[in-house]
Structures are given as C-alpha cells and as structure tokens.
N, C-alpha and C. Protein backbone atom coordinates (compact mmCIF):
# COMPACT_ATOMS: atom_id res chain seq x y z
N MET A 1 -40.52 -37.84 -5.04
CA MET A 1 -39.67 -37.26 -6.06
C MET A 1 -40.38 -36.05 -6.67
N ARG A 2 -39.63 -35.06 -7.06
CA ARG A 2 -40.20 -33.84 -7.64
C ARG A 2 -39.82 -33.74 -9.11
N GLN A 3 -40.76 -33.23 -9.89
CA GLN A 3 -40.53 -33.05 -11.32
C GLN A 3 -40.46 -31.56 -11.61
N ARG A 4 -39.36 -31.14 -12.22
CA ARG A 4 -39.18 -29.72 -12.55
C ARG A 4 -40.08 -29.33 -13.70
N ASN A 5 -40.55 -28.08 -13.65
CA ASN A 5 -41.38 -27.56 -14.72
C ASN A 5 -40.51 -26.62 -15.56
N VAL A 6 -39.97 -27.16 -16.64
CA VAL A 6 -39.01 -26.44 -17.47
C VAL A 6 -39.66 -25.25 -18.16
N ARG A 7 -40.91 -25.40 -18.59
CA ARG A 7 -41.58 -24.31 -19.31
C ARG A 7 -41.75 -23.08 -18.43
N VAL A 8 -42.13 -23.28 -17.18
CA VAL A 8 -42.30 -22.15 -16.26
C VAL A 8 -40.95 -21.48 -16.01
N THR A 9 -39.90 -22.28 -15.89
CA THR A 9 -38.56 -21.73 -15.68
C THR A 9 -38.11 -20.89 -16.87
N ILE A 10 -38.35 -21.38 -18.08
CA ILE A 10 -37.94 -20.65 -19.29
C ILE A 10 -38.73 -19.35 -19.42
N VAL A 11 -40.04 -19.41 -19.17
CA VAL A 11 -40.85 -18.19 -19.26
C VAL A 11 -40.41 -17.18 -18.20
N GLY A 12 -40.06 -17.65 -17.00
CA GLY A 12 -39.56 -16.75 -15.96
C GLY A 12 -38.26 -16.08 -16.37
N ALA A 13 -37.37 -16.84 -16.99
CA ALA A 13 -36.09 -16.27 -17.44
C ALA A 13 -36.31 -15.23 -18.54
N ILE A 14 -37.20 -15.54 -19.47
CA ILE A 14 -37.50 -14.58 -20.55
C ILE A 14 -38.13 -13.32 -19.97
N LEU A 15 -39.05 -13.49 -19.03
CA LEU A 15 -39.70 -12.34 -18.39
C LEU A 15 -38.70 -11.48 -17.64
N PHE A 16 -37.73 -12.12 -16.98
CA PHE A 16 -36.69 -11.39 -16.27
C PHE A 16 -35.82 -10.58 -17.23
N LEU A 17 -35.46 -11.18 -18.35
CA LEU A 17 -34.67 -10.47 -19.35
C LEU A 17 -35.45 -9.30 -19.96
N MET A 18 -36.75 -9.50 -20.15
CA MET A 18 -37.57 -8.41 -20.68
C MET A 18 -37.68 -7.26 -19.67
N ALA A 19 -37.75 -7.57 -18.39
CA ALA A 19 -37.81 -6.52 -17.37
C ALA A 19 -36.50 -5.72 -17.36
N LEU A 20 -35.37 -6.42 -17.46
CA LEU A 20 -34.08 -5.71 -17.53
C LEU A 20 -33.99 -4.86 -18.79
N GLY A 21 -34.41 -5.41 -19.91
CA GLY A 21 -34.39 -4.66 -21.17
C GLY A 21 -35.27 -3.43 -21.12
N PHE A 22 -36.46 -3.56 -20.52
CA PHE A 22 -37.37 -2.43 -20.39
C PHE A 22 -36.74 -1.34 -19.53
N PHE A 23 -36.11 -1.73 -18.43
CA PHE A 23 -35.50 -0.75 -17.53
C PHE A 23 -34.39 0.01 -18.24
N PHE A 24 -33.50 -0.71 -18.92
CA PHE A 24 -32.38 -0.04 -19.57
C PHE A 24 -32.82 0.77 -20.80
N LEU A 25 -33.86 0.33 -21.48
CA LEU A 25 -34.41 1.11 -22.58
C LEU A 25 -34.97 2.43 -22.06
N MET A 26 -35.69 2.37 -20.96
CA MET A 26 -36.28 3.59 -20.40
C MET A 26 -35.22 4.51 -19.81
N MET A 27 -34.10 3.94 -19.35
CA MET A 27 -33.01 4.80 -18.88
C MET A 27 -32.45 5.65 -20.00
N SER A 28 -32.45 5.11 -21.22
CA SER A 28 -31.94 5.89 -22.35
C SER A 28 -32.95 6.94 -22.80
N ILE A 29 -34.23 6.72 -22.53
CA ILE A 29 -35.27 7.66 -22.93
C ILE A 29 -35.48 8.74 -21.86
N ALA A 30 -35.16 8.45 -20.62
CA ALA A 30 -35.47 9.34 -19.49
C ALA A 30 -34.92 10.77 -19.62
N PRO A 31 -33.72 10.99 -20.12
CA PRO A 31 -33.24 12.38 -20.19
C PRO A 31 -34.11 13.31 -21.03
N ARG A 32 -34.87 12.76 -21.95
CA ARG A 32 -35.74 13.60 -22.79
C ARG A 32 -37.12 13.82 -22.17
N SER A 33 -37.37 13.24 -20.99
CA SER A 33 -38.67 13.36 -20.35
C SER A 33 -38.80 14.69 -19.63
N ASN A 34 -40.05 15.12 -19.37
CA ASN A 34 -40.29 16.35 -18.62
C ASN A 34 -39.88 16.20 -17.16
N ASP A 35 -40.11 15.00 -16.60
CA ASP A 35 -39.76 14.72 -15.20
C ASP A 35 -39.04 13.37 -15.15
N PRO A 36 -37.72 13.37 -15.43
CA PRO A 36 -37.01 12.10 -15.52
C PRO A 36 -36.97 11.32 -14.20
N ALA A 37 -36.93 12.02 -13.08
CA ALA A 37 -36.87 11.32 -11.80
C ALA A 37 -38.15 10.52 -11.55
N GLU A 38 -39.29 11.14 -11.79
CA GLU A 38 -40.56 10.44 -11.58
C GLU A 38 -40.74 9.31 -12.60
N MET A 39 -40.29 9.53 -13.81
CA MET A 39 -40.39 8.48 -14.82
C MET A 39 -39.57 7.27 -14.42
N LEU A 40 -38.34 7.48 -13.99
CA LEU A 40 -37.50 6.36 -13.59
C LEU A 40 -38.00 5.70 -12.31
N ARG A 41 -38.64 6.47 -11.44
CA ARG A 41 -39.22 5.86 -10.23
C ARG A 41 -40.33 4.90 -10.63
N THR A 42 -41.18 5.31 -11.55
CA THR A 42 -42.28 4.45 -12.01
C THR A 42 -41.74 3.24 -12.77
N VAL A 43 -40.78 3.47 -13.65
CA VAL A 43 -40.18 2.38 -14.42
C VAL A 43 -39.49 1.39 -13.49
N GLY A 44 -38.82 1.89 -12.47
CA GLY A 44 -38.16 1.01 -11.51
C GLY A 44 -39.13 0.15 -10.74
N MET A 45 -40.27 0.73 -10.35
CA MET A 45 -41.28 -0.06 -9.65
C MET A 45 -41.84 -1.16 -10.56
N VAL A 46 -42.16 -0.80 -11.78
CA VAL A 46 -42.72 -1.78 -12.72
C VAL A 46 -41.70 -2.88 -13.01
N SER A 47 -40.47 -2.50 -13.26
CA SER A 47 -39.43 -3.50 -13.54
C SER A 47 -39.17 -4.37 -12.32
N GLY A 48 -39.23 -3.80 -11.14
CA GLY A 48 -39.03 -4.58 -9.92
C GLY A 48 -40.13 -5.61 -9.71
N VAL A 49 -41.36 -5.21 -9.95
CA VAL A 49 -42.49 -6.14 -9.78
C VAL A 49 -42.39 -7.27 -10.81
N VAL A 50 -42.13 -6.92 -12.05
CA VAL A 50 -42.02 -7.94 -13.10
C VAL A 50 -40.81 -8.84 -12.85
N GLY A 51 -39.70 -8.26 -12.42
CA GLY A 51 -38.51 -9.06 -12.10
C GLY A 51 -38.75 -9.99 -10.92
N GLY A 52 -39.47 -9.52 -9.91
CA GLY A 52 -39.79 -10.36 -8.76
C GLY A 52 -40.69 -11.51 -9.15
N LEU A 53 -41.68 -11.23 -9.98
CA LEU A 53 -42.56 -12.28 -10.47
C LEU A 53 -41.77 -13.30 -11.29
N ALA A 54 -40.85 -12.81 -12.09
CA ALA A 54 -40.03 -13.71 -12.91
C ALA A 54 -39.15 -14.60 -12.03
N LEU A 55 -38.55 -14.03 -10.99
CA LEU A 55 -37.72 -14.84 -10.09
C LEU A 55 -38.57 -15.88 -9.36
N ALA A 56 -39.78 -15.51 -8.96
CA ALA A 56 -40.67 -16.48 -8.31
C ALA A 56 -41.03 -17.61 -9.28
N MET A 57 -41.24 -17.28 -10.54
CA MET A 57 -41.54 -18.32 -11.53
C MET A 57 -40.34 -19.24 -11.74
N ILE A 58 -39.15 -18.67 -11.77
CA ILE A 58 -37.94 -19.48 -11.95
C ILE A 58 -37.77 -20.43 -10.77
N ILE A 59 -37.90 -19.92 -9.56
CA ILE A 59 -37.74 -20.76 -8.37
C ILE A 59 -38.84 -21.82 -8.32
N GLY A 60 -40.07 -21.41 -8.59
CA GLY A 60 -41.17 -22.38 -8.60
C GLY A 60 -40.99 -23.46 -9.65
N GLY A 61 -40.48 -23.09 -10.79
CA GLY A 61 -40.24 -24.07 -11.84
C GLY A 61 -39.12 -25.03 -11.51
N LEU A 62 -38.08 -24.52 -10.82
CA LEU A 62 -36.96 -25.39 -10.46
C LEU A 62 -37.33 -26.31 -9.30
N VAL A 63 -38.15 -25.84 -8.37
CA VAL A 63 -38.56 -26.69 -7.25
C VAL A 63 -39.48 -27.79 -7.78
N GLY A 64 -40.40 -27.44 -8.64
CA GLY A 64 -41.27 -28.41 -9.27
C GLY A 64 -42.42 -28.85 -8.39
N LYS A 65 -43.11 -29.88 -8.86
CA LYS A 65 -44.26 -30.39 -8.11
C LYS A 65 -44.02 -31.85 -7.76
N LYS A 66 -44.68 -32.26 -6.71
CA LYS A 66 -44.53 -33.62 -6.24
C LYS A 66 -45.24 -34.58 -7.18
N VAL A 67 -44.56 -35.64 -7.55
CA VAL A 67 -45.12 -36.63 -8.46
C VAL A 67 -45.50 -37.86 -7.65
N ALA A 68 -46.70 -38.35 -7.89
CA ALA A 68 -47.16 -39.56 -7.20
C ALA A 68 -46.39 -40.77 -7.73
N VAL A 69 -45.82 -41.52 -6.82
CA VAL A 69 -45.06 -42.71 -7.21
C VAL A 69 -45.98 -43.92 -7.06
N PRO A 70 -46.24 -44.64 -8.16
CA PRO A 70 -47.12 -45.81 -8.06
C PRO A 70 -46.47 -46.92 -7.26
N GLY A 71 -47.27 -47.61 -6.49
CA GLY A 71 -46.74 -48.77 -5.79
C GLY A 71 -46.90 -48.64 -4.37
C-alpha cells in the first residue's frame, strides 16, 4: 500500500501557482524593458523550470511512498 504525501503535493501546487504568477507579472513589466524579447525568454525559462519542478513534486506527492505492512 502507498501513502500519499499531502505536504509535498500542497507545496508543489503553491510553487506552480507562484511560477504562473511570476510569469504573468513579468509579462506586464516587459514592455518597459530595454530588451523585452530577451527578458521574456529568460522569464519563460525560469518559470518553466520552476513549473516543471512543481509538477514533479505534485506527482511525487500523489504517488507517495511504500509503507511497510506489519505481519
């Protein structure tokens, strides 16, 4: 039997929402930048890495770990 890790799942969801928020916040700031294309390229890479890590945490938390069954 596997036990889900709810804390890891919640932290992954929060991290995913923060990555989305960061991306959309930077999209509103980008037009005032000297090089908006390069800024959004960098922001997209950072948001993608953080979002991928968050999805891995969510999946890992939902899969859980194997629990030793006594007996």
